[in-house]
N, C-alpha and C. Protein backbone atom coordinates (compact mmCIF):
# COMPACT_ATOMS: atom_id res chain seq x y z
N MET A 1 25.38 -6.79 37.32
CA MET A 1 24.95 -5.55 37.87
C MET A 1 23.60 -5.89 38.54
N VAL A 2 23.52 -5.52 39.85
CA VAL A 2 22.36 -5.62 40.66
C VAL A 2 21.77 -4.16 40.81
N ARG A 3 20.47 -3.99 40.49
CA ARG A 3 19.84 -2.71 40.59
C ARG A 3 19.34 -2.60 42.22
N VAL A 4 19.40 -1.47 42.65
CA VAL A 4 19.09 -1.19 44.14
C VAL A 4 18.05 -0.10 44.32
N VAL A 5 16.95 -0.46 45.16
CA VAL A 5 15.98 0.40 45.47
C VAL A 5 15.91 0.73 46.96
N SER A 6 15.80 2.01 47.34
CA SER A 6 15.75 2.22 48.80
C SER A 6 14.47 1.77 49.42
N ILE A 7 14.44 1.87 50.80
CA ILE A 7 13.09 1.61 51.48
C ILE A 7 11.94 2.47 51.09
N ASP A 8 12.29 3.71 50.65
CA ASP A 8 11.32 4.62 50.21
C ASP A 8 10.87 4.38 48.85
N GLY A 9 11.51 3.60 48.06
CA GLY A 9 11.24 3.27 46.65
C GLY A 9 12.03 4.17 45.70
N LYS A 10 13.03 4.84 46.18
CA LYS A 10 13.83 5.66 45.37
C LYS A 10 14.95 4.82 44.71
N ASN A 11 15.31 5.04 43.51
CA ASN A 11 16.38 4.25 42.84
C ASN A 11 17.66 4.84 43.30
N LEU A 12 18.53 3.77 43.71
CA LEU A 12 19.90 4.03 44.13
C LEU A 12 20.80 3.53 43.05
N MET A 13 22.09 3.85 43.27
CA MET A 13 23.04 3.32 42.32
C MET A 13 23.22 1.78 42.22
N PRO A 14 23.22 1.31 41.02
CA PRO A 14 23.41 -0.25 40.87
C PRO A 14 24.80 -0.57 41.39
N THR A 15 24.90 -1.84 41.69
CA THR A 15 26.19 -2.30 42.27
C THR A 15 26.59 -3.57 41.60
N ASN A 16 27.97 -3.84 41.59
CA ASN A 16 28.44 -5.08 41.17
C ASN A 16 28.97 -5.90 42.24
N ARG A 17 28.64 -5.57 43.40
CA ARG A 17 29.11 -6.25 44.68
C ARG A 17 28.23 -7.38 45.05
N HIS A 18 28.33 -8.42 44.37
CA HIS A 18 27.30 -9.50 44.47
C HIS A 18 27.43 -10.11 45.93
N GLY A 19 28.61 -10.22 46.45
CA GLY A 19 28.79 -10.72 47.78
C GLY A 19 27.93 -10.00 48.85
N LYS A 20 28.11 -8.72 48.71
CA LYS A 20 27.32 -7.89 49.72
C LYS A 20 25.87 -7.97 49.57
N VAL A 21 25.34 -8.06 48.29
CA VAL A 21 23.94 -8.20 48.05
C VAL A 21 23.48 -9.66 48.60
N ARG A 22 24.39 -10.67 48.38
CA ARG A 22 24.00 -12.03 48.89
C ARG A 22 23.96 -11.89 50.44
N ARG A 23 24.87 -11.22 51.08
CA ARG A 23 24.78 -11.07 52.59
C ARG A 23 23.53 -10.36 53.05
N LEU A 24 23.19 -9.20 52.38
CA LEU A 24 22.10 -8.40 52.71
C LEU A 24 20.80 -9.39 52.59
N LEU A 25 20.63 -10.11 51.49
CA LEU A 25 19.50 -11.01 51.37
C LEU A 25 19.47 -12.05 52.41
N ARG A 26 20.64 -12.61 52.83
CA ARG A 26 20.69 -13.66 53.79
C ARG A 26 20.36 -13.11 55.18
N ASP A 27 20.71 -11.92 55.52
CA ASP A 27 20.44 -11.13 56.79
C ASP A 27 19.11 -10.60 56.88
N ASN A 28 18.37 -10.72 55.86
CA ASN A 28 16.90 -10.03 55.71
C ASN A 28 17.09 -8.53 55.75
N LYS A 29 18.07 -7.85 55.31
CA LYS A 29 18.25 -6.53 55.21
C LYS A 29 17.82 -6.09 53.86
N ALA A 30 17.56 -6.98 52.95
CA ALA A 30 17.12 -6.63 51.60
C ALA A 30 16.11 -7.68 50.99
N LYS A 31 15.27 -7.37 50.07
CA LYS A 31 14.49 -8.36 49.52
C LYS A 31 14.46 -8.22 47.94
N VAL A 32 14.19 -9.27 47.13
CA VAL A 32 14.33 -9.33 45.82
C VAL A 32 12.88 -8.70 45.39
N ILE A 33 12.89 -7.77 44.46
CA ILE A 33 11.66 -7.23 43.97
C ILE A 33 11.43 -7.63 42.53
N CYS A 34 12.53 -7.83 41.85
CA CYS A 34 12.49 -8.25 40.38
C CYS A 34 13.58 -9.16 40.00
N LYS A 35 13.39 -10.19 39.28
CA LYS A 35 14.46 -11.17 38.97
C LYS A 35 15.03 -10.91 37.62
N ASN A 36 14.37 -10.21 36.77
CA ASN A 36 14.95 -9.83 35.44
C ASN A 36 14.67 -8.42 35.07
N PRO A 37 15.49 -7.42 35.16
CA PRO A 37 16.76 -7.45 35.71
C PRO A 37 16.72 -7.56 37.28
N PHE A 38 17.76 -8.31 37.80
CA PHE A 38 17.91 -8.56 39.20
C PHE A 38 17.90 -7.32 40.11
N THR A 39 16.87 -7.05 40.81
CA THR A 39 16.69 -5.77 41.63
C THR A 39 16.40 -6.23 43.10
N VAL A 40 16.95 -5.56 44.02
CA VAL A 40 16.75 -5.71 45.34
C VAL A 40 16.34 -4.40 45.98
N GLN A 41 15.45 -4.51 47.03
CA GLN A 41 14.96 -3.35 47.85
C GLN A 41 15.65 -3.44 49.22
N LEU A 42 16.24 -2.38 49.66
CA LEU A 42 16.82 -2.27 51.08
C LEU A 42 15.70 -2.19 52.08
N LEU A 43 15.85 -2.90 53.19
CA LEU A 43 14.89 -2.84 54.08
C LEU A 43 15.28 -1.98 55.29
N TYR A 44 16.18 -1.16 55.11
CA TYR A 44 16.72 -0.17 56.17
C TYR A 44 16.97 1.23 55.56
N LYS A 45 16.95 2.26 56.47
CA LYS A 45 17.18 3.53 55.89
C LYS A 45 18.60 3.80 55.41
N THR A 46 18.74 4.43 54.35
CA THR A 46 20.09 4.80 53.85
C THR A 46 20.41 6.27 54.16
N THR A 47 21.56 6.52 54.47
CA THR A 47 21.91 7.97 54.85
C THR A 47 22.32 8.77 53.62
N ASP A 48 22.93 8.10 52.61
CA ASP A 48 23.33 8.89 51.49
C ASP A 48 22.36 8.58 50.33
N ASP A 49 22.10 9.68 49.60
CA ASP A 49 21.23 9.59 48.32
C ASP A 49 22.06 10.10 47.16
N VAL A 50 23.45 9.87 47.24
CA VAL A 50 24.39 10.24 46.23
C VAL A 50 24.25 9.33 45.04
N THR A 51 23.91 9.93 43.89
CA THR A 51 23.91 9.11 42.70
C THR A 51 24.75 9.66 41.69
N GLN A 52 25.21 8.79 40.79
CA GLN A 52 26.27 9.25 39.77
C GLN A 52 25.42 9.29 38.51
N LYS A 53 25.89 10.05 37.45
CA LYS A 53 25.35 10.04 36.18
C LYS A 53 25.71 8.82 35.46
N ILE A 54 24.68 7.98 34.91
CA ILE A 54 24.94 6.76 34.26
C ILE A 54 24.52 7.03 32.65
N THR A 55 25.41 6.63 31.81
CA THR A 55 25.10 6.79 30.46
C THR A 55 24.64 5.39 29.93
N ILE A 56 23.53 5.30 29.32
CA ILE A 56 23.17 4.09 28.67
C ILE A 56 23.25 4.23 27.13
N GLY A 57 24.10 3.39 26.65
CA GLY A 57 24.27 3.46 25.18
C GLY A 57 23.68 2.33 24.56
N VAL A 58 22.78 2.61 23.48
CA VAL A 58 22.08 1.52 22.75
C VAL A 58 22.49 1.62 21.31
N ASP A 59 22.92 0.52 20.79
CA ASP A 59 23.29 0.45 19.31
C ASP A 59 22.33 -0.56 18.52
N THR A 60 21.42 0.07 17.83
CA THR A 60 20.52 -0.81 17.14
C THR A 60 21.06 -1.50 15.87
N GLY A 61 20.56 -2.70 15.69
CA GLY A 61 21.01 -3.31 14.34
C GLY A 61 19.92 -4.15 13.79
N TYR A 62 20.15 -5.00 12.76
CA TYR A 62 19.11 -5.73 12.11
C TYR A 62 18.70 -6.98 13.01
N LYS A 63 19.78 -7.70 13.43
CA LYS A 63 19.41 -8.92 14.23
C LYS A 63 19.73 -8.78 15.77
N PHE A 64 20.66 -7.94 16.04
CA PHE A 64 21.11 -7.71 17.42
C PHE A 64 20.99 -6.20 17.81
N VAL A 65 20.84 -6.06 19.09
CA VAL A 65 20.89 -4.66 19.72
C VAL A 65 21.94 -4.77 20.79
N GLY A 66 22.93 -3.93 20.80
CA GLY A 66 23.95 -3.82 21.77
C GLY A 66 23.68 -2.70 22.77
N PHE A 67 24.00 -2.91 24.03
CA PHE A 67 23.80 -1.97 25.03
C PHE A 67 25.02 -1.90 26.02
N ALA A 68 25.15 -0.85 26.68
CA ALA A 68 26.23 -0.76 27.74
C ALA A 68 25.79 0.40 28.66
N PHE A 69 26.07 0.10 29.95
CA PHE A 69 25.88 1.16 30.96
C PHE A 69 27.27 1.54 31.41
N ILE A 70 27.51 2.83 31.46
CA ILE A 70 28.75 3.46 31.70
C ILE A 70 28.57 4.53 32.77
N ALA A 71 29.39 4.51 33.84
CA ALA A 71 29.43 5.55 34.92
C ALA A 71 30.95 5.83 35.23
N ASN A 72 31.14 7.15 35.15
CA ASN A 72 32.62 7.57 35.53
C ASN A 72 33.65 6.84 34.58
N SER A 73 33.32 6.77 33.28
CA SER A 73 34.07 6.16 32.27
C SER A 73 34.50 4.73 32.64
N LYS A 74 33.62 4.09 33.38
CA LYS A 74 33.79 2.70 33.76
C LYS A 74 32.43 1.89 33.23
N VAL A 75 32.70 0.78 32.49
CA VAL A 75 31.56 0.08 32.04
C VAL A 75 30.98 -0.82 33.12
N LEU A 76 29.73 -0.56 33.55
CA LEU A 76 29.05 -1.33 34.58
C LEU A 76 28.54 -2.69 34.05
N GLN A 77 27.98 -2.55 32.92
CA GLN A 77 27.39 -3.79 32.38
C GLN A 77 27.25 -3.52 30.79
N LYS A 78 27.31 -4.63 30.03
CA LYS A 78 27.25 -4.57 28.56
C LYS A 78 26.76 -5.87 28.11
N GLY A 79 25.98 -5.86 26.88
CA GLY A 79 25.39 -7.01 26.44
C GLY A 79 24.73 -6.89 25.10
N THR A 80 24.19 -7.96 24.69
CA THR A 80 23.44 -7.87 23.39
C THR A 80 22.04 -8.59 23.58
N ILE A 81 21.11 -8.04 22.86
CA ILE A 81 19.78 -8.56 22.75
C ILE A 81 19.51 -9.07 21.39
N GLU A 82 18.87 -10.39 21.22
CA GLU A 82 18.65 -10.89 19.90
C GLU A 82 17.19 -10.45 19.56
N LEU A 83 16.95 -9.91 18.34
CA LEU A 83 15.67 -9.58 17.85
C LEU A 83 15.00 -10.75 17.20
N ARG A 84 13.73 -10.74 17.19
CA ARG A 84 12.95 -11.77 16.51
C ARG A 84 13.13 -11.68 14.98
N GLN A 85 13.25 -12.77 14.35
CA GLN A 85 13.50 -12.82 12.83
C GLN A 85 12.31 -13.61 12.18
N ASP A 86 11.23 -14.04 12.99
CA ASP A 86 10.21 -14.80 12.46
C ASP A 86 8.91 -14.19 12.24
N VAL A 87 8.89 -12.81 12.38
CA VAL A 87 7.59 -12.04 12.23
C VAL A 87 7.02 -12.27 10.76
N SER A 88 7.87 -12.00 9.85
CA SER A 88 7.47 -12.06 8.43
C SER A 88 6.84 -13.41 8.11
N SER A 89 7.47 -14.52 8.51
CA SER A 89 6.97 -15.94 8.20
C SER A 89 5.67 -16.10 8.88
N LEU A 90 5.59 -15.67 10.13
CA LEU A 90 4.33 -15.87 10.92
C LEU A 90 3.11 -15.08 10.24
N ILE A 91 3.49 -13.91 9.57
CA ILE A 91 2.32 -13.18 8.93
C ILE A 91 1.98 -13.88 7.64
N THR A 92 2.94 -14.53 6.94
CA THR A 92 2.63 -15.22 5.71
C THR A 92 1.79 -16.36 6.04
N LEU A 93 2.08 -17.08 7.21
CA LEU A 93 1.24 -18.22 7.58
C LEU A 93 -0.12 -17.85 8.01
N ARG A 94 -0.27 -16.60 8.62
CA ARG A 94 -1.59 -16.24 8.90
C ARG A 94 -2.44 -15.95 7.65
N LYS A 95 -1.78 -15.30 6.67
CA LYS A 95 -2.39 -14.97 5.51
C LYS A 95 -2.85 -16.24 4.73
N THR A 96 -2.03 -17.29 4.78
CA THR A 96 -2.31 -18.51 4.13
C THR A 96 -3.59 -19.29 4.77
N LEU A 97 -3.61 -19.17 6.06
CA LEU A 97 -4.71 -19.88 6.83
C LEU A 97 -6.02 -19.06 6.60
N ARG A 98 -5.96 -17.80 6.51
CA ARG A 98 -7.19 -16.92 6.24
C ARG A 98 -7.64 -17.36 4.85
N ARG A 99 -6.76 -17.33 3.92
CA ARG A 99 -7.26 -17.73 2.54
C ARG A 99 -7.73 -19.06 2.45
N SER A 100 -7.23 -19.94 3.10
CA SER A 100 -7.76 -21.30 3.02
C SER A 100 -9.19 -21.53 3.71
N ARG A 101 -9.47 -20.64 4.71
CA ARG A 101 -10.65 -20.55 5.38
C ARG A 101 -11.72 -20.12 4.34
N ARG A 102 -11.40 -19.21 3.46
CA ARG A 102 -12.37 -18.69 2.57
C ARG A 102 -12.77 -19.70 1.50
N PHE A 103 -11.98 -20.73 1.20
CA PHE A 103 -12.21 -21.64 0.13
C PHE A 103 -12.80 -23.02 0.59
N ARG A 104 -13.03 -23.03 1.90
CA ARG A 104 -13.58 -24.36 2.31
C ARG A 104 -14.98 -24.61 1.87
N LYS A 105 -15.56 -25.74 2.13
CA LYS A 105 -17.04 -25.96 1.64
C LYS A 105 -17.92 -25.38 2.57
N THR A 106 -18.07 -23.94 2.56
CA THR A 106 -18.93 -23.30 3.41
C THR A 106 -19.58 -22.20 2.36
N ARG A 107 -20.50 -21.54 2.89
CA ARG A 107 -21.20 -20.51 2.10
C ARG A 107 -20.15 -19.49 1.63
N TYR A 108 -20.41 -18.84 0.57
CA TYR A 108 -19.49 -18.04 -0.06
C TYR A 108 -19.34 -16.74 0.73
N ARG A 109 -18.12 -16.35 1.02
CA ARG A 109 -17.81 -15.12 1.78
C ARG A 109 -16.95 -14.29 0.84
N LYS A 110 -17.46 -13.14 0.47
CA LYS A 110 -16.64 -12.25 -0.31
C LYS A 110 -15.47 -11.82 0.37
N PRO A 111 -14.33 -11.83 -0.44
CA PRO A 111 -13.02 -11.30 0.11
C PRO A 111 -13.26 -9.74 0.45
N ARG A 112 -12.68 -9.29 1.40
CA ARG A 112 -12.73 -7.91 1.69
C ARG A 112 -11.48 -7.16 1.14
N PHE A 113 -11.86 -6.04 0.49
CA PHE A 113 -10.68 -5.49 -0.24
C PHE A 113 -10.73 -3.91 -0.04
N LEU A 114 -11.65 -3.40 0.66
CA LEU A 114 -11.73 -1.84 0.88
C LEU A 114 -10.88 -1.50 2.21
N ASN A 115 -10.19 -2.33 2.81
CA ASN A 115 -9.58 -1.98 3.99
C ASN A 115 -8.09 -2.02 3.92
N ARG A 116 -7.68 -1.44 2.68
CA ARG A 116 -6.27 -1.54 2.33
C ARG A 116 -5.44 -0.31 2.57
N THR A 117 -6.09 0.77 3.17
CA THR A 117 -5.32 1.97 3.40
C THR A 117 -4.58 1.94 4.64
N ARG A 118 -3.38 2.47 4.57
CA ARG A 118 -2.42 2.47 5.73
C ARG A 118 -2.43 3.83 6.54
N PRO A 119 -2.44 3.72 7.74
CA PRO A 119 -2.36 5.11 8.44
C PRO A 119 -0.97 5.77 8.36
N ASP A 120 -0.99 7.13 8.63
CA ASP A 120 0.35 7.75 8.72
C ASP A 120 1.31 7.18 9.70
N GLY A 121 2.53 7.15 9.27
CA GLY A 121 3.61 6.55 10.34
C GLY A 121 3.53 4.94 10.31
N TRP A 122 2.95 4.43 9.38
CA TRP A 122 2.78 2.96 9.28
C TRP A 122 4.17 2.38 9.10
N LEU A 123 4.52 1.28 9.80
CA LEU A 123 5.64 0.54 9.44
C LEU A 123 5.38 -0.98 9.18
N ALA A 124 6.25 -1.54 8.48
CA ALA A 124 5.99 -3.00 8.19
C ALA A 124 5.95 -3.74 9.55
N PRO A 125 5.10 -4.88 9.63
CA PRO A 125 5.04 -5.59 11.04
C PRO A 125 6.39 -6.03 11.56
N SER A 126 7.31 -6.51 10.69
CA SER A 126 8.60 -6.95 11.20
C SER A 126 9.33 -5.76 11.75
N VAL A 127 9.34 -4.68 11.05
CA VAL A 127 10.12 -3.41 11.58
C VAL A 127 9.40 -3.00 12.92
N GLN A 128 8.03 -2.85 12.81
CA GLN A 128 7.38 -2.48 14.09
C GLN A 128 7.65 -3.30 15.16
N SER A 129 7.73 -4.69 15.10
CA SER A 129 8.10 -5.51 16.02
C SER A 129 9.46 -5.30 16.76
N LYS A 130 10.42 -5.03 15.72
CA LYS A 130 11.87 -4.77 16.29
C LYS A 130 11.79 -3.44 17.09
N TYR A 131 11.14 -2.46 16.58
CA TYR A 131 11.08 -1.16 17.26
C TYR A 131 10.49 -1.27 18.55
N ASN A 132 9.31 -1.97 18.61
CA ASN A 132 8.65 -2.14 19.99
C ASN A 132 9.54 -2.86 20.91
N HIS A 133 10.23 -3.90 20.44
CA HIS A 133 11.22 -4.67 21.30
C HIS A 133 12.30 -3.80 21.88
N ILE A 134 12.88 -2.93 21.07
CA ILE A 134 13.91 -2.13 21.51
C ILE A 134 13.38 -1.06 22.58
N LEU A 135 12.18 -0.54 22.31
CA LEU A 135 11.58 0.36 23.29
C LEU A 135 11.22 -0.23 24.65
N ASN A 136 10.77 -1.56 24.47
CA ASN A 136 10.57 -2.27 25.76
C ASN A 136 11.82 -2.43 26.63
N TRP A 137 12.93 -2.87 25.88
CA TRP A 137 14.13 -3.01 26.67
C TRP A 137 14.62 -1.70 27.16
N ILE A 138 14.52 -0.69 26.51
CA ILE A 138 14.94 0.62 27.06
C ILE A 138 14.24 0.87 28.26
N ASP A 139 12.91 0.73 28.28
CA ASP A 139 12.06 1.03 29.35
C ASP A 139 12.54 0.10 30.53
N ARG A 140 12.86 -1.15 30.29
CA ARG A 140 13.23 -2.04 31.35
C ARG A 140 14.51 -1.60 31.87
N PHE A 141 15.46 -1.01 31.06
CA PHE A 141 16.78 -0.68 31.55
C PHE A 141 16.66 0.61 32.51
N THR A 142 15.94 1.50 32.00
CA THR A 142 15.71 2.85 32.73
C THR A 142 14.87 2.86 33.98
N LYS A 143 14.08 1.69 34.14
CA LYS A 143 13.08 1.65 35.25
C LYS A 143 13.84 1.89 36.55
N TYR A 144 14.95 1.21 36.84
CA TYR A 144 15.64 1.24 38.05
C TYR A 144 17.03 1.91 38.06
N ILE A 145 17.25 2.85 37.09
CA ILE A 145 18.43 3.54 37.12
C ILE A 145 18.11 5.04 37.56
N PRO A 146 18.76 5.50 38.55
CA PRO A 146 18.38 6.82 39.09
C PRO A 146 18.65 7.98 38.27
N ASN A 147 19.85 8.14 37.81
CA ASN A 147 20.17 9.37 37.06
C ASN A 147 20.82 8.93 35.76
N TYR A 148 20.14 8.91 34.66
CA TYR A 148 20.79 8.48 33.42
C TYR A 148 20.60 9.37 32.23
N LYS A 149 21.36 9.10 31.30
CA LYS A 149 21.44 9.88 29.96
C LYS A 149 21.47 8.74 28.92
N LEU A 150 20.41 8.80 28.07
CA LEU A 150 20.22 7.75 27.09
C LEU A 150 20.78 8.18 25.72
N LYS A 151 21.67 7.32 25.22
CA LYS A 151 22.28 7.61 23.88
C LYS A 151 21.93 6.44 22.87
N VAL A 152 21.15 6.63 21.86
CA VAL A 152 20.71 5.58 20.93
C VAL A 152 21.36 5.88 19.61
N GLU A 153 22.12 4.89 19.19
CA GLU A 153 22.73 5.09 17.76
C GLU A 153 21.93 4.37 16.74
N ILE A 154 21.39 5.04 15.85
CA ILE A 154 20.64 4.57 14.72
C ILE A 154 21.35 4.71 13.42
N ALA A 155 21.70 3.55 12.78
CA ALA A 155 22.46 3.61 11.54
C ALA A 155 21.69 3.17 10.50
N ASN A 156 21.45 4.23 9.63
CA ASN A 156 20.69 3.98 8.31
C ASN A 156 21.68 4.06 7.17
N PHE A 157 21.67 3.08 6.33
CA PHE A 157 22.56 3.30 5.19
C PHE A 157 21.74 2.80 3.97
N ASP A 158 22.15 3.28 2.89
CA ASP A 158 21.50 2.97 1.53
C ASP A 158 22.32 1.95 0.84
N ILE A 159 21.69 0.80 0.54
CA ILE A 159 22.39 -0.35 -0.10
C ILE A 159 22.81 0.03 -1.53
N SER A 160 22.02 0.89 -2.12
CA SER A 160 22.28 1.34 -3.60
C SER A 160 23.44 2.10 -3.69
N LYS A 161 23.95 2.89 -2.64
CA LYS A 161 25.13 3.70 -2.64
C LYS A 161 26.22 2.81 -2.69
N ILE A 162 26.15 1.58 -2.09
CA ILE A 162 27.40 0.69 -2.03
C ILE A 162 27.73 0.19 -3.37
N ASN A 163 26.81 -0.04 -4.25
CA ASN A 163 27.08 -0.47 -5.57
C ASN A 163 27.83 0.47 -6.48
């Protein structure tokens, strides 16, 4: 799917006609403004500003996030995004390095322990990272879509109820 922007900067309907986009780029009637996601800007006036309603569906998971763009009950694009799994180990490594710095042959530095309160709405760093990653991708998806409706499926389930 190629996202399309008019010469005025308005978002137009994305297209799957890659041959037409290639010819527009070759004839200098369009220019590439973003490579990921691939977006072109038309260099001529367009007569129609007809846009369709696009539904963006996002299904969050533990390791992967699935997404789909649907217009007129036709899937325009679908895919998955892999989330980071190394945040917890990186934080453990940072903790170990900080602790080793305290015990080197330097002057004594008291460990700090009065900074342990957590603000309201605090999330674990690994969960916060996944949350921010999903939000960044949603922003990236919706930046060049003209008329969209966002549906996010959030599945919470309790492991203890399975037993």
